[in-house]
């Protein structure tokens, strides 16, 4: 008989199941370690959207984390806590039209633990530890992609080749790696993103190379 999933496992399933938003969701939960207005949380998501694959609005991203149980939402009407769900409030005819509505979100214990675990497992440090001989190449790619226009895969291939970072087999002149290996690996840890035209270093990636 299968064991029931814990709240943390359910949150992790949602975060891990959405690769395009994985890093952003983890950052959002960390940002909401202290209670934030829903507007602050939504703006946080909008400001950190860099991938063309991230088509959800900031509001939709926050709602996704609320539904997953990663964020808890509290709603106040004229300063008093509203006990019902936000959807109930919107349909509550007893609420005056001029009532002051304030909505706040804060990370739950399950959300904080899940986001922290995912961030740790998908960290650059773990990637570098798993492939220590390639750390210089990973950092080089991040440095190139931290430039204003970023870099295409072809440009990265040429740069990696020119800097002898493709583990070329000298005897046969065959490259052991391709630029896509590095971009895929760095994207998986949230350090790189595709903006539709080029690979660009994320805020996390830029920090790793001091940009």
Protein backbone atom coordinates (compact mmCIF):
# COMPACT_ATOMS: atom_id res chain seq x y z
CA UNK A 1 0.00 0.00 0.00
CA UNK A 2 1.47 3.34 -1.05
CA UNK A 3 2.16 5.82 1.74
CA UNK A 4 0.39 9.17 1.60
CA UNK A 5 2.57 12.02 0.47
CA UNK A 6 3.58 14.65 2.98
CA UNK A 7 2.75 18.32 2.44
CA UNK A 8 6.41 18.95 1.57
CA UNK A 9 6.41 16.16 -1.02
CA UNK A 10 3.29 17.57 -2.65
CA UNK A 11 4.90 21.00 -2.92
CA UNK A 12 8.06 19.46 -4.35
CA UNK A 13 6.04 17.60 -6.95
CA UNK A 14 4.57 20.89 -8.18
CA UNK A 15 7.92 22.71 -8.22
CA UNK A 16 9.81 19.85 -9.88
CA UNK A 17 6.96 19.26 -12.30
CA UNK A 18 7.31 22.76 -13.74
CA UNK A 19 10.94 23.07 -14.96
CA UNK A 20 10.38 26.47 -16.59
CA UNK A 21 9.27 27.91 -13.25
CA UNK A 22 11.32 25.78 -10.85
CA UNK A 23 13.90 28.40 -9.94
CA UNK A 24 11.35 31.21 -9.88
CA UNK A 25 9.00 29.26 -7.60
CA UNK A 26 11.84 28.49 -5.19
CA UNK A 27 12.86 32.16 -5.18
CA UNK A 28 9.27 33.26 -4.64
CA UNK A 29 8.85 31.00 -1.62
CA UNK A 30 12.14 32.27 -0.16
CA UNK A 31 11.03 35.88 -0.80
CA UNK A 32 7.83 35.15 1.12
CA UNK A 33 9.64 33.82 4.18
CA UNK A 34 8.14 36.89 5.80
CA UNK A 35 4.58 37.94 4.98
CA UNK A 36 4.25 39.99 1.80
CA UNK A 37 1.36 41.72 0.14
CA UNK A 38 0.08 39.75 -2.81
CA UNK A 39 1.06 42.69 -5.01
CA UNK A 40 4.67 42.44 -3.80
CA UNK A 41 4.73 38.71 -4.51
CA UNK A 42 3.26 39.18 -7.99
CA UNK A 43 5.73 41.95 -8.82
CA UNK A 44 8.59 39.75 -7.62
CA UNK A 45 7.56 37.09 -10.16
CA UNK A 46 7.13 39.57 -13.00
CA UNK A 47 10.53 41.16 -12.40
CA UNK A 48 12.33 37.81 -12.45
CA UNK A 49 10.68 36.39 -15.54
CA UNK A 50 13.42 35.95 -18.16
CA UNK A 51 12.56 32.78 -20.04
CA UNK A 52 10.20 32.73 -23.03
CA UNK A 53 8.78 29.55 -21.52
CA UNK A 54 7.47 31.49 -18.52
CA UNK A 55 4.13 32.58 -19.93
CA UNK A 56 2.15 32.68 -16.67
CA UNK A 57 1.37 36.05 -15.15
CA UNK A 58 2.78 36.98 -11.77
CA UNK A 59 -0.69 36.50 -10.29
CA UNK A 60 -0.95 33.00 -11.80
CA UNK A 61 2.44 32.03 -10.40
CA UNK A 62 1.51 33.16 -6.90
CA UNK A 63 -1.82 31.33 -7.17
CA UNK A 64 0.00 28.16 -8.25
CA UNK A 65 2.11 28.23 -5.10
CA UNK A 66 -0.95 28.92 -2.94
CA UNK A 67 -2.78 25.94 -4.47
CA UNK A 68 0.30 23.76 -3.97
CA UNK A 69 0.40 24.65 -0.29
CA UNK A 70 3.74 26.42 -0.57
CA UNK A 71 2.21 29.80 0.30
CA UNK A 72 -0.58 30.59 2.73
CA UNK A 73 -2.92 33.44 1.83
CA UNK A 74 -4.66 35.75 4.32
CA UNK A 75 -7.31 38.26 3.33
CA UNK A 76 -8.42 41.27 5.35
CA UNK A 77 -11.57 43.33 4.85
CA UNK A 78 -11.37 46.78 6.42
CA UNK A 79 -8.63 45.48 8.68
CA UNK A 80 -10.46 42.34 9.83
CA UNK A 81 -9.41 38.83 8.81
CA UNK A 82 -11.85 37.27 6.35
CA UNK A 83 -12.35 33.61 7.22
CA UNK A 84 -13.54 32.44 3.80
CA UNK A 85 -11.56 31.77 0.65
CA UNK A 86 -10.71 34.61 -1.73
CA UNK A 87 -13.23 33.23 -4.21
CA UNK A 88 -15.94 33.38 -1.53
CA UNK A 89 -15.04 36.98 -0.76
CA UNK A 90 -15.42 37.95 -4.40
CA UNK A 91 -18.95 36.52 -4.41
CA UNK A 92 -19.90 37.74 -0.91
CA UNK A 93 -22.72 40.24 -1.32
CA UNK A 94 -22.38 41.29 2.32
CA UNK A 95 -19.07 42.99 1.58
CA UNK A 96 -19.54 46.71 0.79
CA UNK A 97 -18.30 47.83 -2.61
CA UNK A 98 -16.03 50.40 -0.99
CA UNK A 99 -14.50 47.94 1.48
CA UNK A 100 -10.71 48.00 1.75
CA UNK A 101 -9.39 44.58 0.72
CA UNK A 102 -5.81 43.57 1.57
CA UNK A 103 -4.34 40.20 0.65
CA UNK A 104 -1.09 38.78 2.07
CA UNK A 105 0.92 35.63 1.35
CA UNK A 106 3.61 33.89 3.37
CA UNK A 107 5.60 30.70 2.90
CA UNK A 108 4.29 27.68 4.76
CA UNK A 109 6.64 25.34 6.61
CA UNK A 110 6.13 22.73 3.88
CA UNK A 111 6.76 25.30 1.18
CA UNK A 112 9.96 26.58 2.77
CA UNK A 113 11.34 23.08 3.29
CA UNK A 114 10.45 21.94 -0.23
CA UNK A 115 11.91 25.01 -1.93
CA UNK A 116 15.08 24.80 0.15
CA UNK A 117 15.52 21.10 -0.66
CA UNK A 118 15.00 21.64 -4.39
CA UNK A 119 17.40 24.59 -4.44
CA UNK A 120 20.04 22.56 -2.61
CA UNK A 121 19.71 19.53 -4.87
CA UNK A 122 19.84 21.68 -8.00
CA UNK A 123 22.64 24.00 -6.93
CA UNK A 124 25.66 25.02 -8.99
CA UNK A 125 27.84 23.75 -6.16
CA UNK A 126 26.47 20.22 -6.55
CA UNK A 127 26.87 20.40 -10.31
CA UNK A 128 30.51 21.49 -9.93
CA UNK A 129 31.19 18.81 -7.32
CA UNK A 130 29.81 16.15 -9.64
CA UNK A 131 32.00 17.37 -12.53
CA UNK A 132 35.00 19.16 -10.95
CA UNK A 133 37.06 19.07 -14.15
CA UNK A 134 34.33 21.05 -15.94
CA UNK A 135 33.78 23.81 -13.38
CA UNK A 136 35.98 26.24 -15.30
CA UNK A 137 33.94 25.60 -18.45
CA UNK A 138 30.65 26.08 -16.59
CA UNK A 139 31.88 29.39 -15.19
CA UNK A 140 33.18 30.47 -18.58
CA UNK A 141 29.77 29.85 -20.15
CA UNK A 142 28.09 31.84 -17.38
CA UNK A 143 30.53 34.70 -17.90
CA UNK A 144 29.87 34.83 -21.63
CA UNK A 145 26.13 34.64 -21.13
CA UNK A 146 26.22 37.38 -18.50
CA UNK A 147 27.10 39.81 -21.28
CA UNK A 148 24.27 42.11 -22.35
CA UNK A 149 23.11 40.18 -25.43
CA UNK A 150 23.86 36.73 -24.07
CA UNK A 151 25.15 34.04 -26.41
CA UNK A 152 23.60 31.60 -28.90
CA UNK A 153 24.46 27.92 -28.74
CA UNK A 154 26.61 28.29 -31.87
CA UNK A 155 28.54 31.18 -30.35
CA UNK A 156 29.11 29.21 -27.17
CA UNK A 157 30.29 26.22 -29.19
CA UNK A 158 32.90 28.39 -30.91
CA UNK A 159 34.02 30.00 -27.65
CA UNK A 160 34.29 26.68 -25.86
CA UNK A 161 36.20 25.21 -28.79
CA UNK A 162 38.52 28.20 -28.98
CA UNK A 163 39.27 27.92 -25.27
CA UNK A 164 39.87 24.16 -25.44
CA UNK A 165 36.98 23.36 -23.11
CA UNK A 166 35.21 20.66 -25.14
CA UNK A 167 37.38 17.75 -23.97
CA UNK A 168 38.54 17.15 -27.52
CA UNK A 169 40.04 13.74 -28.26
CA UNK A 170 43.36 14.81 -29.70
CA UNK A 171 44.07 11.63 -31.66
CA UNK A 172 40.86 11.83 -33.68
CA UNK A 173 40.00 15.51 -33.26
CA UNK A 174 36.56 14.66 -31.92
CA UNK A 175 34.93 16.90 -29.31
CA UNK A 176 33.77 14.99 -26.28
CA UNK A 177 31.21 17.63 -25.32
CA UNK A 178 28.90 20.11 -27.02
CA UNK A 179 27.74 23.55 -25.93
CA UNK A 180 24.25 22.13 -25.33
CA UNK A 181 25.66 19.98 -22.52
CA UNK A 182 26.75 23.09 -20.65
CA UNK A 183 23.62 25.14 -21.35
CA UNK A 184 21.36 22.25 -20.34
CA UNK A 185 23.28 21.61 -17.13
CA UNK A 186 23.33 25.28 -16.15
CA UNK A 187 19.67 25.73 -17.03
CA UNK A 188 18.78 22.78 -14.79
CA UNK A 189 20.30 24.55 -11.77
CA UNK A 190 18.65 27.88 -12.57
CA UNK A 191 21.84 29.68 -13.62
CA UNK A 192 21.00 30.05 -17.31
CA UNK A 193 17.82 30.72 -19.31
CA UNK A 194 16.84 30.92 -22.97
CA UNK A 195 15.19 34.26 -23.82
CA UNK A 196 14.07 33.20 -27.28
CA UNK A 197 17.17 34.46 -29.03
CA UNK A 198 20.11 33.64 -26.81
CA UNK A 199 21.20 32.06 -23.56
CA UNK A 200 21.45 34.59 -20.74
CA UNK A 201 22.73 34.24 -17.22
CA UNK A 202 20.01 34.53 -14.58
CA UNK A 203 20.41 36.59 -11.43
CA UNK A 204 21.72 33.44 -9.78
CA UNK A 205 24.13 32.79 -12.64
CA UNK A 206 25.43 36.34 -12.70
CA UNK A 207 26.12 36.18 -8.97
CA UNK A 208 28.22 33.07 -9.51
CA UNK A 209 30.57 34.98 -11.79
CA UNK A 210 30.42 38.29 -9.94
CA UNK A 211 28.36 40.16 -12.51
